[in-house]
Amino acid sequence: MPLEFYILVIPFCVIPVFLVSLDYLNKSSDLKRKNVNVIDFDKFVKRKEEGDIVDSDIAKLLDIQKIAA
């Protein structure tokens, strides 16, 4: 009897824990993926300002101080 009990009970204990762990990993990786795609506009303009002449002219026209948050 104990062998059959363990064969029946162990999968029902292990599988839910495994599925919850997979769900957590999926959600955390999805959150990291979304955060990577966010662009900080001020940092982008400052970095472009240090670029070539066209980029610096565009950054001057945008005037970072006048951009509303």
PDB file of N, CA and C in Angstrom:
ATOM      1  N   MET A   1       0.800  -1.205   0.000  1.00  0.00           N
ATOM      2  CA  MET A   1       0.000   0.000   0.000  1.00  0.00           C
ATOM      3  C   MET A   1       0.848   1.276   0.000  1.00  0.00           C
ATOM      4  N   PRO A   2       1.897   1.410   0.772  1.00  0.00           N
ATOM      5  CA  PRO A   2       2.640   2.668   0.775  1.00  0.00           C
ATOM      6  C   PRO A   2       3.257   3.012  -0.592  1.00  0.00           C
ATOM      7  N   LEU A   3       3.695   2.010  -1.332  1.00  0.00           N
ATOM      8  CA  LEU A   3       4.296   2.279  -2.632  1.00  0.00           C
ATOM      9  C   LEU A   3       3.274   2.886  -3.589  1.00  0.00           C
ATOM     10  N   GLU A   4       2.083   2.335  -3.625  1.00  0.00           N
ATOM     11  CA  GLU A   4       1.052   2.880  -4.489  1.00  0.00           C
ATOM     12  C   GLU A   4       0.654   4.291  -4.047  1.00  0.00           C
ATOM     13  N   PHE A   5       0.631   4.489  -2.755  1.00  0.00           N
ATOM     14  CA  PHE A   5       0.295   5.808  -2.219  1.00  0.00           C
ATOM     15  C   PHE A   5       1.307   6.858  -2.685  1.00  0.00           C
ATOM     16  N   TYR A   6       2.598   6.544  -2.581  1.00  0.00           N
ATOM     17  CA  TYR A   6       3.649   7.477  -3.004  1.00  0.00           C
ATOM     18  C   TYR A   6       3.605   7.713  -4.516  1.00  0.00           C
ATOM     19  N   ILE A   7       3.313   6.691  -5.264  1.00  0.00           N
ATOM     20  CA  ILE A   7       3.233   6.825  -6.720  1.00  0.00           C
ATOM     21  C   ILE A   7       2.074   7.743  -7.114  1.00  0.00           C
ATOM     22  N   LEU A   8       1.004   7.723  -6.340  1.00  0.00           N
ATOM     23  CA  LEU A   8      -0.140   8.570  -6.652  1.00  0.00           C
ATOM     24  C   LEU A   8      -0.015   9.983  -6.071  1.00  0.00           C
ATOM     25  N   VAL A   9       0.574  10.117  -4.902  1.00  0.00           N
ATOM     26  CA  VAL A   9       0.597  11.401  -4.209  1.00  0.00           C
ATOM     27  C   VAL A   9       1.729  12.306  -4.690  1.00  0.00           C
ATOM     28  N   ILE A  10       2.899  11.766  -4.937  1.00  0.00           N
ATOM     29  CA  ILE A  10       4.067  12.582  -5.299  1.00  0.00           C
ATOM     30  C   ILE A  10       3.821  13.418  -6.563  1.00  0.00           C
ATOM     31  N   PRO A  11       3.276  12.872  -7.633  1.00  0.00           N
ATOM     32  CA  PRO A  11       3.034  13.740  -8.795  1.00  0.00           C
ATOM     33  C   PRO A  11       2.075  14.898  -8.505  1.00  0.00           C
ATOM     34  N   PHE A  12       1.086  14.690  -7.664  1.00  0.00           N
ATOM     35  CA  PHE A  12       0.141  15.756  -7.345  1.00  0.00           C
ATOM     36  C   PHE A  12       0.749  16.814  -6.434  1.00  0.00           C
ATOM     37  N   CYS A  13       1.850  16.513  -5.783  1.00  0.00           N
ATOM     38  CA  CYS A  13       2.539  17.506  -4.957  1.00  0.00           C
ATOM     39  C   CYS A  13       3.631  18.226  -5.750  1.00  0.00           C
ATOM     40  N   VAL A  14       4.301  17.523  -6.620  1.00  0.00           N
ATOM     41  CA  VAL A  14       5.441  18.075  -7.340  1.00  0.00           C
ATOM     42  C   VAL A  14       4.995  18.902  -8.547  1.00  0.00           C
ATOM     43  N   ILE A  15       4.017  18.444  -9.270  1.00  0.00           N
ATOM     44  CA  ILE A  15       3.600  19.121 -10.503  1.00  0.00           C
ATOM     45  C   ILE A  15       3.071  20.542 -10.234  1.00  0.00           C
ATOM     46  N   PRO A  16       2.216  20.783  -9.248  1.00  0.00           N
ATOM     47  CA  PRO A  16       1.775  22.175  -9.001  1.00  0.00           C
ATOM     48  C   PRO A  16       2.928  23.112  -8.626  1.00  0.00           C
ATOM     49  N   VAL A  17       3.869  22.627  -7.830  1.00  0.00           N
ATOM     50  CA  VAL A  17       5.026  23.456  -7.462  1.00  0.00           C
ATOM     51  C   VAL A  17       5.843  23.784  -8.707  1.00  0.00           C
ATOM     52  N   PHE A  18       6.026  22.822  -9.565  1.00  0.00           N
ATOM     53  CA  PHE A  18       6.764  23.026 -10.803  1.00  0.00           C
ATOM     54  C   PHE A  18       6.051  24.041 -11.702  1.00  0.00           C
ATOM     55  N   LEU A  19       4.730  23.938 -11.812  1.00  0.00           N
ATOM     56  CA  LEU A  19       3.967  24.855 -12.661  1.00  0.00           C
ATOM     57  C   LEU A  19       3.976  26.280 -12.111  1.00  0.00           C
ATOM     58  N   VAL A  20       3.875  26.423 -10.810  1.00  0.00           N
ATOM     59  CA  VAL A  20       3.926  27.752 -10.197  1.00  0.00           C
ATOM     60  C   VAL A  20       5.301  28.376 -10.407  1.00  0.00           C
ATOM     61  N   SER A  21       6.353  27.574 -10.296  1.00  0.00           N
ATOM     62  CA  SER A  21       7.711  28.076 -10.528  1.00  0.00           C
ATOM     63  C   SER A  21       7.886  28.524 -11.977  1.00  0.00           C
ATOM     64  N   LEU A  22       7.382  27.756 -12.918  1.00  0.00           N
ATOM     65  CA  LEU A  22       7.463  28.138 -14.322  1.00  0.00           C
ATOM     66  C   LEU A  22       6.693  29.434 -14.600  1.00  0.00           C
ATOM     67  N   ASP A  23       5.534  29.578 -13.981  1.00  0.00           N
ATOM     68  CA  ASP A  23       4.739  30.790 -14.159  1.00  0.00           C
ATOM     69  C   ASP A  23       5.475  32.006 -13.608  1.00  0.00           C
ATOM     70  N   TYR A  24       6.093  31.864 -12.441  1.00  0.00           N
ATOM     71  CA  TYR A  24       6.860  32.965 -11.856  1.00  0.00           C
ATOM     72  C   TYR A  24       8.028  33.354 -12.747  1.00  0.00           C
ATOM     73  N   LEU A  25       8.759  32.387 -13.252  1.00  0.00           N
ATOM     74  CA  LEU A  25       9.894  32.675 -14.138  1.00  0.00           C
ATOM     75  C   LEU A  25       9.430  33.351 -15.423  1.00  0.00           C
ATOM     76  N   ASN A  26       8.309  32.918 -15.951  1.00  0.00           N
ATOM     77  CA  ASN A  26       7.770  33.518 -17.165  1.00  0.00           C
ATOM     78  C   ASN A  26       7.371  34.976 -16.933  1.00  0.00           C
ATOM     79  N   LYS A  27       6.704  35.253 -15.827  1.00  0.00           N
ATOM     80  CA  LYS A  27       6.282  36.620 -15.532  1.00  0.00           C
ATOM     81  C   LYS A  27       7.473  37.526 -15.259  1.00  0.00           C
ATOM     82  N   SER A  28       8.476  37.037 -14.538  1.00  0.00           N
ATOM     83  CA  SER A  28       9.632  37.876 -14.244  1.00  0.00           C
ATOM     84  C   SER A  28      10.441  38.161 -15.510  1.00  0.00           C
ATOM     85  N   SER A  29      10.579  37.180 -16.391  1.00  0.00           N
ATOM     86  CA  SER A  29      11.308  37.430 -17.633  1.00  0.00           C
ATOM     87  C   SER A  29      10.525  38.373 -18.543  1.00  0.00           C
ATOM     88  N   ASP A  30       9.201  38.273 -18.537  1.00  0.00           N
ATOM     89  CA  ASP A  30       8.378  39.173 -19.332  1.00  0.00           C
ATOM     90  C   ASP A  30       8.501  40.606 -18.819  1.00  0.00           C
ATOM     91  N   LEU A  31       8.539  40.783 -17.505  1.00  0.00           N
ATOM     92  CA  LEU A  31       8.701  42.109 -16.920  1.00  0.00           C
ATOM     93  C   LEU A  31      10.063  42.706 -17.277  1.00  0.00           C
ATOM     94  N   LYS A  32      11.113  41.896 -17.218  1.00  0.00           N
ATOM     95  CA  LYS A  32      12.450  42.371 -17.589  1.00  0.00           C
ATOM     96  C   LYS A  32      12.486  42.756 -19.065  1.00  0.00           C
ATOM     97  N   ARG A  33      11.842  41.976 -19.900  1.00  0.00           N
ATOM     98  CA  ARG A  33      11.807  42.251 -21.330  1.00  0.00           C
ATOM     99  C   ARG A  33      11.090  43.573 -21.609  1.00  0.00           C
ATOM    100  N   LYS A  34      10.024  43.858 -20.881  1.00  0.00           N
ATOM    101  CA  LYS A  34       9.300  45.114 -21.069  1.00  0.00           C
ATOM    102  C   LYS A  34      10.114  46.305 -20.591  1.00  0.00           C
ATOM    103  N   ASN A  35      10.863  46.150 -19.502  1.00  0.00           N
ATOM    104  CA  ASN A  35      11.668  47.243 -18.980  1.00  0.00           C
ATOM    105  C   ASN A  35      12.831  47.583 -19.898  1.00  0.00           C
ATOM    106  N   VAL A  36      13.347  46.633 -20.630  1.00  0.00           N
ATOM    107  CA  VAL A  36      14.468  46.886 -21.532  1.00  0.00           C
ATOM    108  C   VAL A  36      14.026  47.758 -22.698  1.00  0.00           C
ATOM    109  N   ASN A  37      12.782  47.660 -23.121  1.00  0.00           N
ATOM    110  CA  ASN A  37      12.290  48.385 -24.286  1.00  0.00           C
ATOM    111  C   ASN A  37      11.927  49.840 -23.987  1.00  0.00           C
ATOM    112  N   VAL A  38      11.962  50.261 -22.727  1.00  0.00           N
ATOM    113  CA  VAL A  38      11.608  51.628 -22.366  1.00  0.00           C
ATOM    114  C   VAL A  38      12.800  52.541 -22.651  1.00  0.00           C
ATOM    115  N   ILE A  39      12.553  53.646 -23.358  1.00  0.00           N
ATOM    116  CA  ILE A  39      13.606  54.589 -23.715  1.00  0.00           C
ATOM    117  C   ILE A  39      13.404  55.875 -22.918  1.00  0.00           C
ATOM    118  N   ASP A  40      14.458  56.309 -22.247  1.00  0.00           N
ATOM    119  CA  ASP A  40      14.428  57.579 -21.545  1.00  0.00           C
ATOM    120  C   ASP A  40      14.756  58.668 -22.560  1.00  0.00           C
ATOM    121  N   PHE A  41      13.778  59.519 -22.862  1.00  0.00           N
ATOM    122  CA  PHE A  41      13.922  60.492 -23.941  1.00  0.00           C
ATOM    123  C   PHE A  41      15.023  61.509 -23.643  1.00  0.00           C
ATOM    124  N   ASP A  42      15.122  61.966 -22.395  1.00  0.00           N
ATOM    125  CA  ASP A  42      16.150  62.957 -22.050  1.00  0.00           C
ATOM    126  C   ASP A  42      17.554  62.398 -22.261  1.00  0.00           C
ATOM    127  N   LYS A  43      17.784  61.167 -21.823  1.00  0.00           N
ATOM    128  CA  LYS A  43      19.093  60.543 -22.023  1.00  0.00           C
ATOM    129  C   LYS A  43      19.377  60.351 -23.510  1.00  0.00           C
ATOM    130  N   PHE A  44      18.351  60.007 -24.278  1.00  0.00           N
ATOM    131  CA  PHE A  44      18.517  59.814 -25.715  1.00  0.00           C
ATOM    132  C   PHE A  44      18.933  61.117 -26.388  1.00  0.00           C
ATOM    133  N   VAL A  45      18.267  62.219 -26.032  1.00  0.00           N
ATOM    134  CA  VAL A  45      18.580  63.509 -26.645  1.00  0.00           C
ATOM    135  C   VAL A  45      19.978  63.971 -26.235  1.00  0.00           C
ATOM    136  N   LYS A  46      20.338  63.779 -24.968  1.00  0.00           N
ATOM    137  CA  LYS A  46      21.676  64.175 -24.525  1.00  0.00           C
ATOM    138  C   LYS A  46      22.752  63.372 -25.241  1.00  0.00           C
ATOM    139  N   ARG A  47      22.507  62.097 -25.444  1.00  0.00           N
ATOM    140  CA  ARG A  47      23.477  61.258 -26.146  1.00  0.00           C
ATOM    141  C   ARG A  47      23.568  61.667 -27.610  1.00  0.00           C
ATOM    142  N   LYS A  48      22.432  62.021 -28.220  1.00  0.00           N
ATOM    143  CA  LYS A  48      22.439  62.456 -29.612  1.00  0.00           C
ATOM    144  C   LYS A  48      23.107  63.830 -29.755  1.00  0.00           C
ATOM    145  N   GLU A  49      23.015  64.648 -28.719  1.00  0.00           N
ATOM    146  CA  GLU A  49      23.609  65.973 -28.750  1.00  0.00           C
ATOM    147  C   GLU A  49      25.131  65.885 -28.879  1.00  0.00           C
ATOM    148  N   GLU A  50      25.710  64.826 -28.351  1.00  0.00           N
ATOM    149  CA  GLU A  50      27.152  64.628 -28.432  1.00  0.00           C
ATOM    150  C   GLU A  50      27.568  64.015 -29.769  1.00  0.00           C
ATOM    151  N   GLY A  51      26.602  63.722 -30.638  1.00  0.00           N
ATOM    152  CA  GLY A  51      26.871  63.082 -31.919  1.00  0.00           C
ATOM    153  C   GLY A  51      27.333  64.069 -32.976  1.00  0.00           C
ATOM    154  N   ASP A  52      26.913  63.844 -34.201  1.00  0.00           N
ATOM    155  CA  ASP A  52      27.359  64.702 -35.301  1.00  0.00           C
ATOM    156  C   ASP A  52      26.598  66.037 -35.315  1.00  0.00           C
ATOM    157  N   ILE A  53      26.845  66.866 -36.311  1.00  0.00           N
ATOM    158  CA  ILE A  53      26.305  68.225 -36.375  1.00  0.00           C
ATOM    159  C   ILE A  53      24.785  68.225 -36.472  1.00  0.00           C
ATOM    160  N   VAL A  54      24.243  67.337 -37.275  1.00  0.00           N
ATOM    161  CA  VAL A  54      22.782  67.276 -37.437  1.00  0.00           C
ATOM    162  C   VAL A  54      22.116  66.914 -36.117  1.00  0.00           C
ATOM    163  N   ASP A  55      22.675  65.941 -35.407  1.00  0.00           N
ATOM    164  CA  ASP A  55      22.097  65.540 -34.124  1.00  0.00           C
ATOM    165  C   ASP A  55      22.167  66.676 -33.105  1.00  0.00           C
ATOM    166  N   SER A  56      23.270  67.407 -33.073  1.00  0.00           N
ATOM    167  CA  SER A  56      23.381  68.509 -32.112  1.00  0.00           C
ATOM    168  C   SER A  56      22.415  69.633 -32.466  1.00  0.00           C
ATOM    169  N   ASP A  57      22.178  69.898 -33.762  1.00  0.00           N
ATOM    170  CA  ASP A  57      21.204  70.922 -34.159  1.00  0.00           C
ATOM    171  C   ASP A  57      19.783  70.521 -33.759  1.00  0.00           C
ATOM    172  N   ILE A  58      19.449  69.261 -33.940  1.00  0.00           N
ATOM    173  CA  ILE A  58      18.115  68.772 -33.539  1.00  0.00           C
ATOM    174  C   ILE A  58      17.943  68.898 -32.030  1.00  0.00           C
ATOM    175  N   ALA A  59      18.977  68.557 -31.275  1.00  0.00           N
ATOM    176  CA  ALA A  59      18.897  68.661 -29.816  1.00  0.00           C
ATOM    177  C   ALA A  59      18.748  70.117 -29.388  1.00  0.00           C
ATOM    178  N   LYS A  60      19.403  71.036 -30.071  1.00  0.00           N
ATOM    179  CA  LYS A  60      19.256  72.463 -29.752  1.00  0.00           C
ATOM    180  C   LYS A  60      17.837  72.931 -30.058  1.00  0.00           C
ATOM    181  N   LEU A  61      17.279  72.475 -31.178  1.00  0.00           N
ATOM    182  CA  LEU A  61      15.910  72.861 -31.520  1.00  0.00           C
ATOM    183  C   LEU A  61      14.897  72.313 -30.513  1.00  0.00           C
ATOM    184  N   LEU A  62      15.149  71.114 -29.995  1.00  0.00           N
ATOM    185  CA  LEU A  62      14.232  70.531 -29.019  1.00  0.00           C
ATOM    186  C   LEU A  62      14.330  71.222 -27.670  1.00  0.00           C
ATOM    187  N   ASP A  63      15.478  71.771 -27.332  1.00  0.00           N
ATOM    188  CA  ASP A  63      15.727  72.455 -26.071  1.00  0.00           C
ATOM    189  C   ASP A  63      15.204  71.651 -24.882  1.00  0.00           C
ATOM    190  N   ILE A  64      16.045  70.844 -24.350  1.00  0.00           N
ATOM    191  CA  ILE A  64      15.686  69.871 -23.309  1.00  0.00           C
ATOM    192  C   ILE A  64      14.971  70.515 -22.134  1.00  0.00           C
ATOM    193  N   GLN A  65      15.272  71.766 -21.808  1.00  0.00           N
ATOM    194  CA  GLN A  65      14.645  72.421 -20.658  1.00  0.00           C
ATOM    195  C   GLN A  65      13.148  72.679 -20.872  1.00  0.00           C
ATOM    196  N   LYS A  66      12.711  72.777 -22.108  1.00  0.00           N
ATOM    197  CA  LYS A  66      11.312  73.100 -22.385  1.00  0.00           C
ATOM    198  C   LYS A  66      10.426  71.860 -22.553  1.00  0.00           C
ATOM    199  N   ILE A  67      10.997  70.675 -22.501  1.00  0.00           N
ATOM    200  CA  ILE A  67      10.208  69.456 -22.675  1.00  0.00           C
ATOM    201  C   ILE A  67       9.428  69.177 -21.388  1.00  0.00           C
ATOM    202  N   ALA A  68       8.125  69.020 -21.516  1.00  0.00           N
ATOM    203  CA  ALA A  68       7.286  68.729 -20.343  1.00  0.00           C
ATOM    204  C   ALA A  68       7.328  67.243 -20.050  1.00  0.00           C
ATOM    205  N   ALA A  69       7.257  66.909 -18.773  1.00  0.00           N
ATOM    206  CA  ALA A  69       7.304  65.497 -18.378  1.00  0.00           C
ATOM    207  C   ALA A  69       5.953  64.862 -18.572  1.00  0.00           C
TER     208      ALA A  69
END
